[in-house]
Amino acid sequence: MHLSRLSGRKTCDRVMKNGKVWKGKTMLVRWLSGRPRNQRINTLKQTVYLGTYATTKLHKSAVKRNRMRRRCREALRVAIQDSQSIPILQLLMTPRSSSLSCDFKDVQEDVQSFLSQFS
């Protein structure tokens, strides 16, 4: 399984508007199944497309917001690395403020509980 970037304003807006919502302790995930409507995408790979966003409402410091994004992205990358049973997904992940102060294991548990609905 491969992790790719979900990019483009229209693509992210479509996931925000039409996507299903999953809420965890450390993150909120909006997701759609299938590939984005981008023409430059390699269709041969089994891929999860991930976009992350964290507004200034989450934390004033950009350094801390970026740390929250990186922790959520890394937890997902580790979780899907060896898995082949996950379908092709478009994910928009929003970290919560609790993801900054909690252990990385808590973030990983949140990702595992989100992915368990696809297994």
Foldseek 3Di string as FASTA:
>chain_A
DEEAADDDPVQVVCQVVVFDWDDDPWKIKTKDADDTPDPPDDPPDQYEHEAEDEDCVQDVDPVLQVVSVVLLVVLLCVVCVPDDQAHHMYMYMYTHNVSSVDDSVRSNVRNVVVRVVRD
